[in-house]
Amino acid sequence: MSEILKRSITGALYIAVIVSTAFLSHYLLLLFFTIVGFICLKEFQSLLQFRNIISYVSLVVLLYYFNFTEVYMPLLLTYMAMTLLVKFILLKDLYTLNDIPIFDGRKHLLTLFYIVPSIIFLTMIPVYKPNYEHVLIGTFVLIWTNDSFAYLVGKNFGKHKLFERISPKKTIEGFIGGAIASILISYLIFEYVGLLSWWAWGILAIIVSVFGTLGDLVQSKFKRKADVKDSGKIMPGHGGIFDRMDSMLFSSTFVFIFIIFIDYVS
């Protein structure tokens, strides 16, 4: 079986599970993301050569708190701020030659304020307002569109490297192609789904294109440091769950913040 066919079949099954759980039941969606979160934590801790049960417990406790209780807004804002701080530091550390110096010896911070909140903010999108499961699925569609067209355009037309030291195959042409395709698809999502204005869907497309690509680069650096090709082998043609979710995980905090912002200004 060719690599492209394996990727297509695995990706289609992955998409079908996310879409069906999102529309069938929020409980099923939470169960799915709990399983995804556990696998991502396991794969991520394997990359870091680190084990910590606290992150798994934190994921379950925080999923319950943020989805089934009245959220204390200052706590949510503090959690967002700490998550953003960690993600921006990871972006800064893309430019260091080898290590991720600020987290050397503090690996628990990465699991607690990178992987765990990224899952949490994804699950909060469908409960933010009625019918916002469509926004969650729309965001995934934008990520898939960006990834697919970045790969296709980069493979066929890419000449200028985007960040060769970290990811030699990524190109500027691929990044632009993925972003343009996502913006175009965002209009179709607006026509079909609504809920948000077209300009809001367009900005979401830009957010997932930029931060999704950066998330992929961050994960590539972790894999280079660990000297592995993939974070796992659970998804044929894709590697691990973390390999498949890296763009969405990094983007999720920015997506959720943008949703809150447009609700506030509308």
C-alpha atoms as a PDB file:
ATOM      1  CA  MET A   1       0.000   0.000   0.000  1.00  0.00           C
ATOM      2  CA  SER A   2       1.400   3.387  -0.991  1.00  0.00           C
ATOM      3  CA  GLU A   3       2.231   5.980   1.620  1.00  0.00           C
ATOM      4  CA  ILE A   4      -0.337   8.442   0.211  1.00  0.00           C
ATOM      5  CA  LEU A   5      -3.096   5.791   0.309  1.00  0.00           C
ATOM      6  CA  LYS A   6      -2.245   4.861   3.899  1.00  0.00           C
ATOM      7  CA  ARG A   7      -2.290   8.519   4.916  1.00  0.00           C
ATOM      8  CA  SER A   8      -5.622   9.036   3.155  1.00  0.00           C
ATOM      9  CA  ILE A   9      -7.354   6.040   4.745  1.00  0.00           C
ATOM     10  CA  THR A  10      -6.032   6.787   8.223  1.00  0.00           C
ATOM     11  CA  GLY A  11      -6.874  10.466   7.879  1.00  0.00           C
ATOM     12  CA  ALA A  12     -10.416   9.700   6.678  1.00  0.00           C
ATOM     13  CA  LEU A  13     -11.078   7.423   9.660  1.00  0.00           C
ATOM     14  CA  TYR A  14      -9.661  10.047  12.018  1.00  0.00           C
ATOM     15  CA  ILE A  15     -11.909  12.726  10.508  1.00  0.00           C
ATOM     16  CA  ALA A  16     -14.972  10.460  10.680  1.00  0.00           C
ATOM     17  CA  VAL A  17     -14.444   9.796  14.395  1.00  0.00           C
ATOM     18  CA  ILE A  18     -14.055  13.489  15.263  1.00  0.00           C
ATOM     19  CA  VAL A  19     -17.093  14.579  13.236  1.00  0.00           C
ATOM     20  CA  SER A  20     -19.360  11.798  14.526  1.00  0.00           C
ATOM     21  CA  THR A  21     -18.431  12.275  18.186  1.00  0.00           C
ATOM     22  CA  ALA A  22     -18.826  16.067  17.926  1.00  0.00           C
ATOM     23  CA  PHE A  23     -22.385  15.779  16.629  1.00  0.00           C
ATOM     24  CA  LEU A  24     -23.560  12.701  18.546  1.00  0.00           C
ATOM     25  CA  SER A  25     -22.722  13.683  22.103  1.00  0.00           C
ATOM     26  CA  HIS A  26     -20.476  16.044  24.022  1.00  0.00           C
ATOM     27  CA  TYR A  27     -19.757  13.164  26.399  1.00  0.00           C
ATOM     28  CA  LEU A  28     -18.455  11.077  23.503  1.00  0.00           C
ATOM     29  CA  LEU A  29     -16.376  14.027  22.326  1.00  0.00           C
ATOM     30  CA  LEU A  30     -14.867  14.415  25.798  1.00  0.00           C
ATOM     31  CA  LEU A  31     -14.130  10.689  25.944  1.00  0.00           C
ATOM     32  CA  PHE A  32     -12.462  10.867  22.539  1.00  0.00           C
ATOM     33  CA  PHE A  33     -10.316  13.856  23.482  1.00  0.00           C
ATOM     34  CA  THR A  34      -9.443  12.262  26.831  1.00  0.00           C
ATOM     35  CA  ILE A  35      -8.083   9.239  24.962  1.00  0.00           C
ATOM     36  CA  VAL A  36      -6.317  11.503  22.441  1.00  0.00           C
ATOM     37  CA  GLY A  37      -4.895  13.565  25.310  1.00  0.00           C
ATOM     38  CA  PHE A  38      -3.570  10.487  27.119  1.00  0.00           C
ATOM     39  CA  ILE A  39      -1.867   9.228  23.954  1.00  0.00           C
ATOM     40  CA  CYS A  40      -0.404  12.661  23.189  1.00  0.00           C
ATOM     41  CA  LEU A  41       0.915  12.915  26.755  1.00  0.00           C
ATOM     42  CA  LYS A  42       2.482   9.466  26.501  1.00  0.00           C
ATOM     43  CA  GLU A  43       4.113  10.224  23.140  1.00  0.00           C
ATOM     44  CA  PHE A  44       5.238  13.687  24.240  1.00  0.00           C
ATOM     45  CA  GLN A  45       6.741  12.432  27.496  1.00  0.00           C
ATOM     46  CA  SER A  46       8.516   9.736  25.502  1.00  0.00           C
ATOM     47  CA  LEU A  47      10.100  12.463  23.356  1.00  0.00           C
ATOM     48  CA  LEU A  48      11.173  14.282  26.516  1.00  0.00           C
ATOM     49  CA  GLN A  49      12.347  11.033  28.146  1.00  0.00           C
ATOM     50  CA  PHE A  50      10.156  11.927  31.074  1.00  0.00           C
ATOM     51  CA  ARG A  51       7.264  10.308  32.951  1.00  0.00           C
ATOM     52  CA  ASN A  52       4.758  12.068  35.164  1.00  0.00           C
ATOM     53  CA  ILE A  53       1.347  10.726  36.194  1.00  0.00           C
ATOM     54  CA  ILE A  54       0.266  14.181  37.404  1.00  0.00           C
ATOM     55  CA  SER A  55      -0.315  15.376  33.839  1.00  0.00           C
ATOM     56  CA  TYR A  56      -2.835  12.567  33.180  1.00  0.00           C
ATOM     57  CA  VAL A  57      -4.708  13.320  36.404  1.00  0.00           C
ATOM     58  CA  SER A  58      -4.656  17.048  35.611  1.00  0.00           C
ATOM     59  CA  LEU A  59      -6.159  16.428  32.179  1.00  0.00           C
ATOM     60  CA  VAL A  60      -9.126  14.507  33.618  1.00  0.00           C
ATOM     61  CA  VAL A  61      -9.731  16.953  36.488  1.00  0.00           C
ATOM     62  CA  LEU A  62      -9.502  20.046  34.290  1.00  0.00           C
ATOM     63  CA  LEU A  63     -11.669  18.514  31.557  1.00  0.00           C
ATOM     64  CA  TYR A  64     -14.370  17.994  34.168  1.00  0.00           C
ATOM     65  CA  TYR A  65     -13.948  21.444  35.714  1.00  0.00           C
ATOM     66  CA  PHE A  66     -13.953  23.457  32.497  1.00  0.00           C
ATOM     67  CA  ASN A  67     -16.779  21.466  30.881  1.00  0.00           C
ATOM     68  CA  PHE A  68     -19.191  20.727  33.724  1.00  0.00           C
ATOM     69  CA  THR A  69     -18.871  23.489  36.316  1.00  0.00           C
ATOM     70  CA  GLU A  70     -19.286  27.235  36.389  1.00  0.00           C
ATOM     71  CA  VAL A  71     -15.843  28.422  35.387  1.00  0.00           C
ATOM     72  CA  TYR A  72     -14.195  31.074  37.534  1.00  0.00           C
ATOM     73  CA  MET A  73     -13.157  33.626  34.913  1.00  0.00           C
ATOM     74  CA  PRO A  74      -9.939  34.881  36.619  1.00  0.00           C
ATOM     75  CA  LEU A  75      -8.772  31.250  36.815  1.00  0.00           C
ATOM     76  CA  LEU A  76      -9.514  30.712  33.114  1.00  0.00           C
ATOM     77  CA  LEU A  77      -7.667  33.905  32.155  1.00  0.00           C
ATOM     78  CA  THR A  78      -4.673  32.951  34.311  1.00  0.00           C
ATOM     79  CA  TYR A  79      -4.597  29.481  32.732  1.00  0.00           C
ATOM     80  CA  MET A  80      -4.723  31.053  29.271  1.00  0.00           C
ATOM     81  CA  ALA A  81      -1.917  33.466  30.120  1.00  0.00           C
ATOM     82  CA  MET A  82       0.374  30.712  31.420  1.00  0.00           C
ATOM     83  CA  THR A  83      -0.373  28.563  28.376  1.00  0.00           C
ATOM     84  CA  LEU A  84       0.400  31.443  26.012  1.00  0.00           C
ATOM     85  CA  LEU A  85       3.633  32.161  27.878  1.00  0.00           C
ATOM     86  CA  VAL A  86       4.793  28.568  27.461  1.00  0.00           C
ATOM     87  CA  LYS A  87       3.889  28.530  23.762  1.00  0.00           C
ATOM     88  CA  PHE A  88       5.647  31.818  23.023  1.00  0.00           C
ATOM     89  CA  ILE A  89       8.758  30.580  24.843  1.00  0.00           C
ATOM     90  CA  LEU A  90       8.667  27.443  22.694  1.00  0.00           C
ATOM     91  CA  LEU A  91       8.540  29.667  19.606  1.00  0.00           C
ATOM     92  CA  LYS A  92      11.493  31.673  20.872  1.00  0.00           C
ATOM     93  CA  ASP A  93      13.417  28.473  21.470  1.00  0.00           C
ATOM     94  CA  LEU A  94      12.973  27.418  17.840  1.00  0.00           C
ATOM     95  CA  TYR A  95      15.922  29.702  17.149  1.00  0.00           C
ATOM     96  CA  THR A  96      18.278  28.074  19.645  1.00  0.00           C
ATOM     97  CA  LEU A  97      20.652  25.571  18.123  1.00  0.00           C
ATOM     98  CA  ASN A  98      19.967  22.426  20.126  1.00  0.00           C
ATOM     99  CA  ASP A  99      18.198  22.450  23.460  1.00  0.00           C
ATOM    100  CA  ILE A 100      15.071  24.135  24.743  1.00  0.00           C
ATOM    101  CA  PRO A 101      17.006  25.829  27.542  1.00  0.00           C
ATOM    102  CA  ILE A 102      14.328  27.453  29.673  1.00  0.00           C
ATOM    103  CA  PHE A 103      12.622  24.096  30.250  1.00  0.00           C
ATOM    104  CA  ASP A 104      15.740  22.087  30.932  1.00  0.00           C
ATOM    105  CA  GLY A 105      14.880  20.234  34.136  1.00  0.00           C
ATOM    106  CA  ARG A 106      11.315  21.622  34.135  1.00  0.00           C
ATOM    107  CA  LYS A 107       9.687  19.175  31.744  1.00  0.00           C
ATOM    108  CA  HIS A 108       6.534  18.900  33.848  1.00  0.00           C
ATOM    109  CA  LEU A 109       5.711  22.498  32.845  1.00  0.00           C
ATOM    110  CA  LEU A 110       5.524  21.460  29.208  1.00  0.00           C
ATOM    111  CA  THR A 111       2.988  18.717  29.863  1.00  0.00           C
ATOM    112  CA  LEU A 112       0.901  20.835  32.248  1.00  0.00           C
ATOM    113  CA  PHE A 113       0.917  24.068  30.223  1.00  0.00           C
ATOM    114  CA  TYR A 114       1.302  22.844  26.653  1.00  0.00           C
ATOM    115  CA  ILE A 115      -0.370  19.488  25.993  1.00  0.00           C
ATOM    116  CA  VAL A 116      -3.040  19.530  28.731  1.00  0.00           C
ATOM    117  CA  PRO A 117      -4.468  23.042  28.126  1.00  0.00           C
ATOM    118  CA  SER A 118      -4.334  22.562  24.359  1.00  0.00           C
ATOM    119  CA  ILE A 119      -6.754  19.643  24.763  1.00  0.00           C
ATOM    120  CA  ILE A 120      -8.841  21.564  27.313  1.00  0.00           C
ATOM    121  CA  PHE A 121      -9.395  24.581  25.040  1.00  0.00           C
ATOM    122  CA  LEU A 122     -10.413  22.324  22.155  1.00  0.00           C
ATOM    123  CA  THR A 123     -13.170  20.752  24.255  1.00  0.00           C
ATOM    124  CA  MET A 124     -14.395  24.155  25.442  1.00  0.00           C
ATOM    125  CA  ILE A 125     -15.209  25.381  21.930  1.00  0.00           C
ATOM    126  CA  PRO A 126     -18.412  23.273  21.552  1.00  0.00           C
ATOM    127  CA  VAL A 127     -19.731  24.316  24.971  1.00  0.00           C
ATOM    128  CA  TYR A 128     -19.013  28.025  24.582  1.00  0.00           C
ATOM    129  CA  LYS A 129     -22.280  28.607  22.730  1.00  0.00           C
ATOM    130  CA  PRO A 130     -25.069  26.468  21.222  1.00  0.00           C
ATOM    131  CA  ASN A 131     -24.112  24.811  17.915  1.00  0.00           C
ATOM    132  CA  TYR A 132     -20.430  25.652  18.360  1.00  0.00           C
ATOM    133  CA  GLU A 133     -19.540  22.039  17.605  1.00  0.00           C
ATOM    134  CA  HIS A 134     -19.733  23.347  14.028  1.00  0.00           C
ATOM    135  CA  VAL A 135     -16.982  25.840  14.872  1.00  0.00           C
ATOM    136  CA  LEU A 136     -14.821  23.020  16.262  1.00  0.00           C
ATOM    137  CA  ILE A 137     -15.306  20.910  13.134  1.00  0.00           C
ATOM    138  CA  GLY A 138     -14.787  23.973  10.919  1.00  0.00           C
ATOM    139  CA  THR A 139     -11.478  24.661  12.672  1.00  0.00           C
ATOM    140  CA  PHE A 140     -10.368  21.081  12.082  1.00  0.00           C
ATOM    141  CA  VAL A 141     -11.341  21.417   8.411  1.00  0.00           C
ATOM    142  CA  LEU A 142      -9.194  24.546   8.143  1.00  0.00           C
ATOM    143  CA  ILE A 143      -6.248  22.716   9.739  1.00  0.00           C
ATOM    144  CA  TRP A 144      -6.649  19.720   7.414  1.00  0.00           C
ATOM    145  CA  THR A 145      -6.923  22.030   4.400  1.00  0.00           C
ATOM    146  CA  ASN A 146      -3.817  23.966   5.391  1.00  0.00           C
ATOM    147  CA  ASP A 147      -1.777  20.816   6.036  1.00  0.00           C
ATOM    148  CA  SER A 148      -2.879  19.098   2.823  1.00  0.00           C
ATOM    149  CA  PHE A 149      -2.291  22.037   0.479  1.00  0.00           C
ATOM    150  CA  ALA A 150       0.951  23.033   2.197  1.00  0.00           C
ATOM    151  CA  TYR A 151       2.177  19.486   1.517  1.00  0.00           C
ATOM    152  CA  LEU A 152       0.931  19.394  -2.101  1.00  0.00           C
ATOM    153  CA  VAL A 153       2.108  22.880  -3.075  1.00  0.00           C
ATOM    154  CA  GLY A 154       5.413  22.467  -1.269  1.00  0.00           C
ATOM    155  CA  LYS A 155       6.096  19.096  -2.858  1.00  0.00           C
ATOM    156  CA  ASN A 156       5.341  20.276  -6.393  1.00  0.00           C
ATOM    157  CA  PHE A 157       6.371  23.934  -6.370  1.00  0.00           C
ATOM    158  CA  GLY A 158       8.432  24.510  -3.241  1.00  0.00           C
ATOM    159  CA  LYS A 159      11.877  26.048  -3.798  1.00  0.00           C
ATOM    160  CA  HIS A 160      12.496  28.292  -0.796  1.00  0.00           C
ATOM    161  CA  LYS A 161      12.932  26.644   2.602  1.00  0.00           C
ATOM    162  CA  LEU A 162      10.749  27.914   5.432  1.00  0.00           C
ATOM    163  CA  PHE A 163      12.864  26.732   8.392  1.00  0.00           C
ATOM    164  CA  GLU A 164      15.423  24.322   6.963  1.00  0.00           C
ATOM    165  CA  ARG A 165      17.340  23.700  10.193  1.00  0.00           C
ATOM    166  CA  ILE A 166      14.222  22.328  11.904  1.00  0.00           C
ATOM    167  CA  SER A 167      12.112  20.970   9.032  1.00  0.00           C
ATOM    168  CA  PRO A 168      13.983  20.655   5.708  1.00  0.00           C
ATOM    169  CA  LYS A 169      10.867  19.737   3.702  1.00  0.00           C
ATOM    170  CA  LYS A 170       8.755  22.755   4.611  1.00  0.00           C
ATOM    171  CA  THR A 171       8.807  25.572   2.078  1.00  0.00           C
ATOM    172  CA  ILE A 172       7.579  29.151   1.918  1.00  0.00           C
ATOM    173  CA  GLU A 173       5.553  28.263  -1.194  1.00  0.00           C
ATOM    174  CA  GLY A 174       3.901  25.413   0.693  1.00  0.00           C
ATOM    175  CA  PHE A 175       3.035  27.682   3.623  1.00  0.00           C
ATOM    176  CA  ILE A 176       1.489  30.292   1.312  1.00  0.00           C
ATOM    177  CA  GLY A 177      -0.414  27.631  -0.636  1.00  0.00           C
ATOM    178  CA  GLY A 178      -1.847  26.145   2.562  1.00  0.00           C
ATOM    179  CA  ALA A 179      -2.857  29.556   3.895  1.00  0.00           C
ATOM    180  CA  ILE A 180      -4.593  30.612   0.651  1.00  0.00           C
ATOM    181  CA  ALA A 181      -6.460  27.302   0.429  1.00  0.00           C
ATOM    182  CA  SER A 182      -7.601  27.651   4.058  1.00  0.00           C
ATOM    183  CA  ILE A 183      -8.901  31.181   3.460  1.00  0.00           C
ATOM    184  CA  LEU A 184     -10.832  30.008   0.399  1.00  0.00           C
ATOM    185  CA  ILE A 185     -12.314  27.074   2.287  1.00  0.00           C
ATOM    186  CA  SER A 186     -13.241  29.407   5.153  1.00  0.00           C
ATOM    187  CA  TYR A 187     -15.723  31.128   2.827  1.00  0.00           C
ATOM    188  CA  LEU A 188     -17.366  27.788   1.991  1.00  0.00           C
ATOM    189  CA  ILE A 189     -17.584  27.002   5.716  1.00  0.00           C
ATOM    190  CA  PHE A 190     -19.218  30.395   6.277  1.00  0.00           C
ATOM    191  CA  GLU A 191     -21.765  29.710   3.540  1.00  0.00           C
ATOM    192  CA  TYR A 192     -22.554  26.241   4.890  1.00  0.00           C
ATOM    193  CA  VAL A 193     -22.267  26.744   8.655  1.00  0.00           C
ATOM    194  CA  GLY A 194     -22.617  30.461   9.385  1.00  0.00           C
ATOM    195  CA  LEU A 195     -22.452  31.131  13.171  1.00  0.00           C
ATOM    196  CA  LEU A 196     -19.469  33.435  12.636  1.00  0.00           C
ATOM    197  CA  SER A 197     -19.089  36.171  10.045  1.00  0.00           C
ATOM    198  CA  TRP A 198     -17.030  35.511   6.922  1.00  0.00           C
ATOM    199  CA  TRP A 199     -14.234  37.780   8.129  1.00  0.00           C
ATOM    200  CA  ALA A 200     -14.130  35.815  11.410  1.00  0.00           C
ATOM    201  CA  TRP A 201     -13.808  32.510   9.541  1.00  0.00           C
ATOM    202  CA  GLY A 202     -11.133  34.097   7.359  1.00  0.00           C
ATOM    203  CA  ILE A 203      -9.129  35.218  10.389  1.00  0.00           C
ATOM    204  CA  LEU A 204      -9.540  31.748  11.901  1.00  0.00           C
ATOM    205  CA  ALA A 205      -8.041  30.355   8.690  1.00  0.00           C
ATOM    206  CA  ILE A 206      -5.040  32.656   9.081  1.00  0.00           C
ATOM    207  CA  ILE A 207      -4.676  31.767  12.771  1.00  0.00           C
ATOM    208  CA  VAL A 208      -4.602  28.013  12.129  1.00  0.00           C
ATOM    209  CA  SER A 209      -2.294  28.417   9.129  1.00  0.00           C
ATOM    210  CA  VAL A 210       0.267  30.475  11.041  1.00  0.00           C
ATOM    211  CA  PHE A 211       0.112  28.828  14.456  1.00  0.00           C
ATOM    212  CA  GLY A 212      -0.516  25.365  13.022  1.00  0.00           C
ATOM    213  CA  THR A 213       2.680  25.639  10.985  1.00  0.00           C
ATOM    214  CA  LEU A 214       4.576  26.957  14.023  1.00  0.00           C
ATOM    215  CA  GLY A 215       3.220  24.078  16.118  1.00  0.00           C
ATOM    216  CA  ASP A 216       4.475  21.616  13.531  1.00  0.00           C
ATOM    217  CA  LEU A 217       7.915  23.247  13.685  1.00  0.00           C
ATOM    218  CA  VAL A 218       7.949  23.118  17.500  1.00  0.00           C
ATOM    219  CA  GLN A 219       7.120  19.427  17.413  1.00  0.00           C
ATOM    220  CA  SER A 220       9.788  18.837  14.753  1.00  0.00           C
ATOM    221  CA  LYS A 221      12.359  20.356  17.096  1.00  0.00           C
ATOM    222  CA  PHE A 222      11.315  18.019  19.908  1.00  0.00           C
ATOM    223  CA  LYS A 223      11.635  15.047  17.551  1.00  0.00           C
ATOM    224  CA  ARG A 224      15.058  16.222  16.354  1.00  0.00           C
ATOM    225  CA  LYS A 225      16.220  16.557  19.928  1.00  0.00           C
ATOM    226  CA  ALA A 226      14.903  13.047  20.668  1.00  0.00           C
ATOM    227  CA  ASP A 227      16.435  11.805  17.373  1.00  0.00           C
ATOM    228  CA  VAL A 228      13.211  10.133  16.161  1.00  0.00           C
ATOM    229  CA  LYS A 229      11.215  10.451  12.929  1.00  0.00           C
ATOM    230  CA  ASP A 230       7.744  10.191  14.487  1.00  0.00           C
ATOM    231  CA  SER A 231       6.309  10.605  17.964  1.00  0.00           C
ATOM    232  CA  GLY A 232       4.614   7.197  17.685  1.00  0.00           C
ATOM    233  CA  LYS A 233       3.325   4.536  15.290  1.00  0.00           C
ATOM    234  CA  ILE A 234      -0.375   4.340  16.111  1.00  0.00           C
ATOM    235  CA  MET A 235      -1.543   5.997  12.855  1.00  0.00           C
ATOM    236  CA  PRO A 236      -0.218   4.352   9.654  1.00  0.00           C
ATOM    237  CA  GLY A 237       1.191   6.946   7.296  1.00  0.00           C
ATOM    238  CA  HIS A 238       1.102   9.677   9.938  1.00  0.00           C
ATOM    239  CA  GLY A 239       3.123   8.335  12.870  1.00  0.00           C
ATOM    240  CA  GLY A 240       1.692   9.087  16.290  1.00  0.00           C
ATOM    241  CA  ILE A 241      -1.415  10.914  17.463  1.00  0.00           C
ATOM    242  CA  PHE A 242       0.813  13.812  18.476  1.00  0.00           C
ATOM    243  CA  ASP A 243       2.182  13.927  14.919  1.00  0.00           C
ATOM    244  CA  ARG A 244      -1.390  14.252  13.614  1.00  0.00           C
ATOM    245  CA  MET A 245      -2.551  16.708  16.283  1.00  0.00           C
ATOM    246  CA  ASP A 246       0.494  18.985  16.606  1.00  0.00           C
ATOM    247  CA  SER A 247      -0.919  21.814  14.467  1.00  0.00           C
ATOM    248  CA  MET A 248      -4.312  21.750  16.162  1.00  0.00           C
ATOM    249  CA  LEU A 249      -2.858  21.497  19.656  1.00  0.00           C
ATOM    250  CA  PHE A 250      -0.663  24.539  19.187  1.00  0.00           C
ATOM    251  CA  SER A 251      -3.457  26.526  17.504  1.00  0.00           C
ATOM    252  CA  SER A 252      -6.242  25.657  19.960  1.00  0.00           C
ATOM    253  CA  THR A 253      -5.454  28.312  22.572  1.00  0.00           C
ATOM    254  CA  PHE A 254      -5.305  31.073  19.963  1.00  0.00           C
ATOM    255  CA  VAL A 255      -8.527  29.838  18.340  1.00  0.00           C
ATOM    256  CA  PHE A 256     -10.403  29.834  21.651  1.00  0.00           C
ATOM    257  CA  ILE A 257      -9.118  33.295  22.581  1.00  0.00           C
ATOM    258  CA  PHE A 258     -10.225  34.627  19.188  1.00  0.00           C
ATOM    259  CA  ILE A 259     -13.704  33.122  19.643  1.00  0.00           C
ATOM    260  CA  ILE A 260     -14.014  34.853  23.014  1.00  0.00           C
ATOM    261  CA  PHE A 261     -12.769  38.112  21.485  1.00  0.00           C
ATOM    262  CA  ILE A 262     -15.231  38.195  18.576  1.00  0.00           C
ATOM    263  CA  ASP A 263     -18.069  37.348  20.964  1.00  0.00           C
ATOM    264  CA  TYR A 264     -17.000  40.241  23.192  1.00  0.00           C
ATOM    265  CA  VAL A 265     -16.815  42.813  20.382  1.00  0.00           C
ATOM    266  CA  SER A 266     -19.951  41.671  18.527  1.00  0.00           C
END
